[in-house]
Amino acid sequence: MKMRHMLQWLCIIISLAVGVAGCKTVAITEQRSTATAYQKSSMLAAKGAAEAGALAFCNIDFEGGLEAYKQSICSVTTSLGCDHYTQELEKSWDSIVDVYNTDALVCEFVSSELMEESTQFGFPVQVWFVRLIGTVGWPENQTNRDYWIQIAEESGEWKLNRMLSLTEIEYYQSRFQGSTNAQ
């Protein structure tokens, strides 16, 4: 019996020794730099998602038609965003074609700015202001294209979730008045 207890203790000690030998101490500075790199990477991905979302809405190839435009939108939006904008586009496509009466609308990126980070229904979301300029097909008095966008993390990837309502836009404009380019 005594020999059995000694063997059990010996096994425990050997297991601990092997476990401890396999552990590596990590300096706090290394932990911080890893966390900072992850945060920067996530922020760049979020910024890219906001900008790609705005460009997808602003660049319209009318010759490609409704299906191509819906595909362009859905490639940068959450599944809920895709469903919503697909339904809206199906209702309003003919009106959009009539209003612009051109082969294509083309925009270029000007600037973007993170307005707020939060959670919604337990998921991380961010509000971005993205400014584009219409370079082809846009009427001269409509070349400045401002997009107020909420992006959300879906399956580990940032995607456009929705455009903000006018009330939300007014809120952000008044909240950040003078301290941002989003006016």
Protein backbone atom coordinates (compact mmCIF):
# COMPACT_ATOMS: atom_id res chain seq x y z
CA MET A 1 0.00 0.00 0.00
CA LYS A 2 2.80 2.39 0.92
CA MET A 3 4.56 1.62 -2.34
CA ARG A 4 1.36 2.38 -4.26
CA HIS A 5 1.08 5.87 -2.68
CA MET A 6 4.73 6.53 -3.44
CA LEU A 7 4.18 5.59 -7.10
CA GLN A 8 1.12 7.84 -7.31
CA TRP A 9 3.07 10.76 -5.84
CA LEU A 10 5.97 10.05 -8.13
CA CYS A 11 3.62 10.12 -11.15
CA ILE A 12 2.10 13.41 -9.98
CA ILE A 13 5.53 14.98 -9.45
CA ILE A 14 6.77 13.81 -12.87
CA SER A 15 3.58 15.12 -14.53
CA LEU A 16 4.02 18.50 -12.86
CA ALA A 17 7.68 18.65 -13.81
CA VAL A 18 6.89 17.87 -17.46
CA GLY A 19 4.02 20.36 -17.44
CA VAL A 20 6.11 23.12 -15.91
CA ALA A 21 9.00 22.41 -18.27
CA GLY A 22 6.63 22.88 -21.21
CA CYS A 23 5.39 26.23 -19.90
CA LYS A 24 7.02 29.40 -21.07
CA THR A 25 6.85 32.63 -19.18
CA VAL A 26 5.68 35.56 -21.27
CA ALA A 27 6.74 39.07 -20.39
CA ILE A 28 4.01 41.64 -19.87
CA THR A 29 5.50 43.76 -22.66
CA GLU A 30 5.17 40.84 -25.08
CA GLN A 31 1.56 40.33 -24.00
CA ARG A 32 0.81 44.03 -24.53
CA SER A 33 2.44 44.15 -27.95
CA THR A 34 0.49 41.08 -29.07
CA ALA A 35 -2.79 42.62 -27.82
CA THR A 36 -1.94 45.95 -29.48
CA ALA A 37 -1.13 44.25 -32.79
CA TYR A 38 -4.44 42.38 -32.64
CA GLN A 39 -6.33 45.62 -31.88
CA LYS A 40 -4.65 47.44 -34.77
CA SER A 41 -5.38 44.56 -37.11
CA SER A 42 -9.03 44.49 -36.04
CA MET A 43 -9.35 48.27 -36.44
CA LEU A 44 -7.86 48.14 -39.94
CA ALA A 45 -10.29 45.36 -40.87
CA ALA A 46 -13.21 47.39 -39.49
CA LYS A 47 -12.11 50.50 -41.37
CA GLY A 48 -11.76 48.46 -44.56
CA ALA A 49 -15.26 47.06 -44.08
CA ALA A 50 -16.77 50.53 -43.64
CA GLU A 51 -15.00 51.88 -46.71
CA ALA A 52 -15.83 48.82 -48.85
CA GLY A 53 -19.48 49.08 -47.79
CA ALA A 54 -19.73 52.73 -48.82
CA LEU A 55 -18.00 52.07 -52.14
CA ALA A 56 -20.31 49.12 -52.88
CA PHE A 57 -23.35 51.38 -52.48
CA CYS A 58 -21.85 54.29 -54.40
CA ASN A 59 -20.46 52.37 -57.40
CA ILE A 60 -23.31 51.17 -59.58
CA ASP A 61 -22.83 49.44 -62.93
CA PHE A 62 -26.27 49.83 -64.51
CA GLU A 63 -25.26 47.71 -67.49
CA GLY A 64 -24.51 44.85 -65.07
CA GLY A 65 -28.06 45.17 -63.79
CA LEU A 66 -29.85 44.61 -60.52
CA GLU A 67 -28.44 41.13 -59.82
CA ALA A 68 -24.84 42.31 -60.15
CA TYR A 69 -25.53 45.29 -57.87
CA LYS A 70 -27.21 43.09 -55.25
CA GLN A 71 -24.23 40.72 -55.37
CA SER A 72 -21.87 43.66 -54.89
CA ILE A 73 -23.86 44.84 -51.86
CA CYS A 74 -24.22 41.38 -50.32
CA SER A 75 -20.49 40.69 -50.62
CA VAL A 76 -19.77 43.44 -48.05
CA THR A 77 -22.83 43.27 -45.77
CA THR A 78 -23.97 41.07 -42.92
CA SER A 79 -26.60 38.46 -43.73
CA LEU A 80 -29.29 40.72 -42.25
CA GLY A 81 -27.96 43.68 -44.24
CA CYS A 82 -27.96 41.64 -47.42
CA ASP A 83 -31.57 40.55 -46.90
CA HIS A 84 -32.72 44.09 -46.13
CA TYR A 85 -30.94 45.82 -49.02
CA THR A 86 -31.88 43.09 -51.50
CA GLN A 87 -35.56 43.68 -50.72
CA GLU A 88 -35.18 47.46 -50.92
CA LEU A 89 -33.29 47.31 -54.21
CA GLU A 90 -35.86 45.03 -55.79
CA LYS A 91 -38.55 47.60 -54.96
CA SER A 92 -36.62 50.66 -56.12
CA TRP A 93 -34.26 49.54 -58.91
CA ASP A 94 -36.34 50.92 -61.79
CA SER A 95 -36.58 54.30 -60.05
CA ILE A 96 -32.82 54.39 -59.46
CA VAL A 97 -32.17 53.62 -63.13
CA ASP A 98 -34.58 56.38 -64.21
CA VAL A 99 -33.18 59.00 -61.82
CA TYR A 100 -29.54 58.63 -62.86
CA ASN A 101 -30.00 57.70 -66.54
CA THR A 102 -26.34 56.69 -67.02
CA ASP A 103 -24.35 53.51 -67.67
CA ALA A 104 -22.48 53.69 -64.37
CA LEU A 105 -21.93 55.67 -61.20
CA VAL A 106 -18.35 55.63 -59.94
CA CYS A 107 -16.98 56.92 -56.65
CA GLU A 108 -13.55 57.26 -55.11
CA PHE A 109 -12.58 57.17 -51.47
CA VAL A 110 -11.83 60.48 -49.73
CA SER A 111 -11.81 59.82 -45.96
CA SER A 112 -13.26 57.76 -43.13
CA GLU A 113 -13.62 58.29 -39.42
CA LEU A 114 -14.63 56.03 -36.55
CA MET A 115 -17.40 57.72 -34.59
CA GLU A 116 -18.24 55.14 -31.92
CA GLU A 117 -17.70 51.56 -30.77
CA SER A 118 -20.31 49.64 -28.80
CA THR A 119 -22.26 46.41 -28.67
CA GLN A 120 -25.70 45.72 -30.03
CA PHE A 121 -27.56 42.54 -29.10
CA GLY A 122 -24.28 41.30 -27.62
CA PHE A 123 -22.26 41.78 -30.83
CA PRO A 124 -19.52 44.35 -31.42
CA VAL A 125 -20.58 47.22 -33.68
CA GLN A 126 -18.94 50.42 -34.86
CA VAL A 127 -20.32 53.58 -36.42
CA TRP A 128 -18.24 55.09 -39.22
CA PHE A 129 -18.48 58.23 -41.32
CA VAL A 130 -17.16 57.63 -44.84
CA ARG A 131 -16.79 60.40 -47.41
CA LEU A 132 -16.55 59.52 -51.10
CA ILE A 133 -16.56 61.67 -54.20
CA GLY A 134 -18.58 60.79 -57.28
CA THR A 135 -16.28 60.85 -60.29
CA VAL A 136 -18.39 59.37 -63.09
CA GLY A 137 -22.12 59.64 -63.77
CA TRP A 138 -23.05 61.75 -60.75
CA PRO A 139 -24.77 65.10 -61.29
CA GLU A 140 -22.39 68.00 -60.58
CA ASN A 141 -24.30 69.07 -57.47
CA GLN A 142 -24.23 65.51 -56.02
CA THR A 143 -20.56 64.54 -56.20
CA ASN A 144 -19.92 64.65 -52.44
CA ARG A 145 -21.17 61.31 -51.12
CA ASP A 146 -21.33 60.97 -47.32
CA TYR A 147 -22.16 57.61 -45.78
CA TRP A 148 -22.98 57.01 -42.12
CA ILE A 149 -22.48 53.31 -41.60
CA GLN A 150 -22.86 50.79 -38.84
CA ILE A 151 -20.59 47.80 -39.24
CA ALA A 152 -20.89 44.63 -37.21
CA GLU A 153 -18.71 41.63 -36.59
CA GLU A 154 -20.28 38.55 -38.14
CA SER A 155 -18.48 35.20 -37.90
CA GLY A 156 -15.26 36.98 -36.95
CA GLU A 157 -15.36 39.38 -39.90
CA TRP A 158 -16.37 43.06 -39.96
CA LYS A 159 -19.16 43.80 -42.45
CA LEU A 160 -21.55 46.63 -43.19
CA ASN A 161 -24.71 46.06 -41.18
CA ARG A 162 -26.81 49.09 -42.07
CA MET A 163 -26.88 52.76 -42.95
CA LEU A 164 -27.79 55.09 -40.10
CA SER A 165 -31.17 56.82 -39.98
CA LEU A 166 -31.44 60.60 -40.34
CA THR A 167 -32.10 60.92 -36.61
CA GLU A 168 -28.92 58.96 -35.81
CA ILE A 169 -26.91 61.06 -38.26
CA GLU A 170 -28.15 64.27 -36.63
CA TYR A 171 -27.21 62.86 -33.22
CA TYR A 172 -23.62 62.13 -34.30
CA GLN A 173 -23.27 65.46 -36.08
CA SER A 174 -24.32 67.36 -32.96
CA ARG A 175 -22.31 65.15 -30.61
CA PHE A 176 -19.07 65.59 -32.54
CA GLN A 177 -19.67 69.10 -33.86
CA GLY A 178 -16.37 70.82 -34.57
CA SER A 179 -14.23 67.84 -33.52
CA THR A 180 -14.63 65.80 -36.70
CA ASN A 181 -14.77 66.03 -40.47
CA ALA A 182 -18.26 64.53 -40.37
CA GLN A 183 -20.36 67.64 -40.80
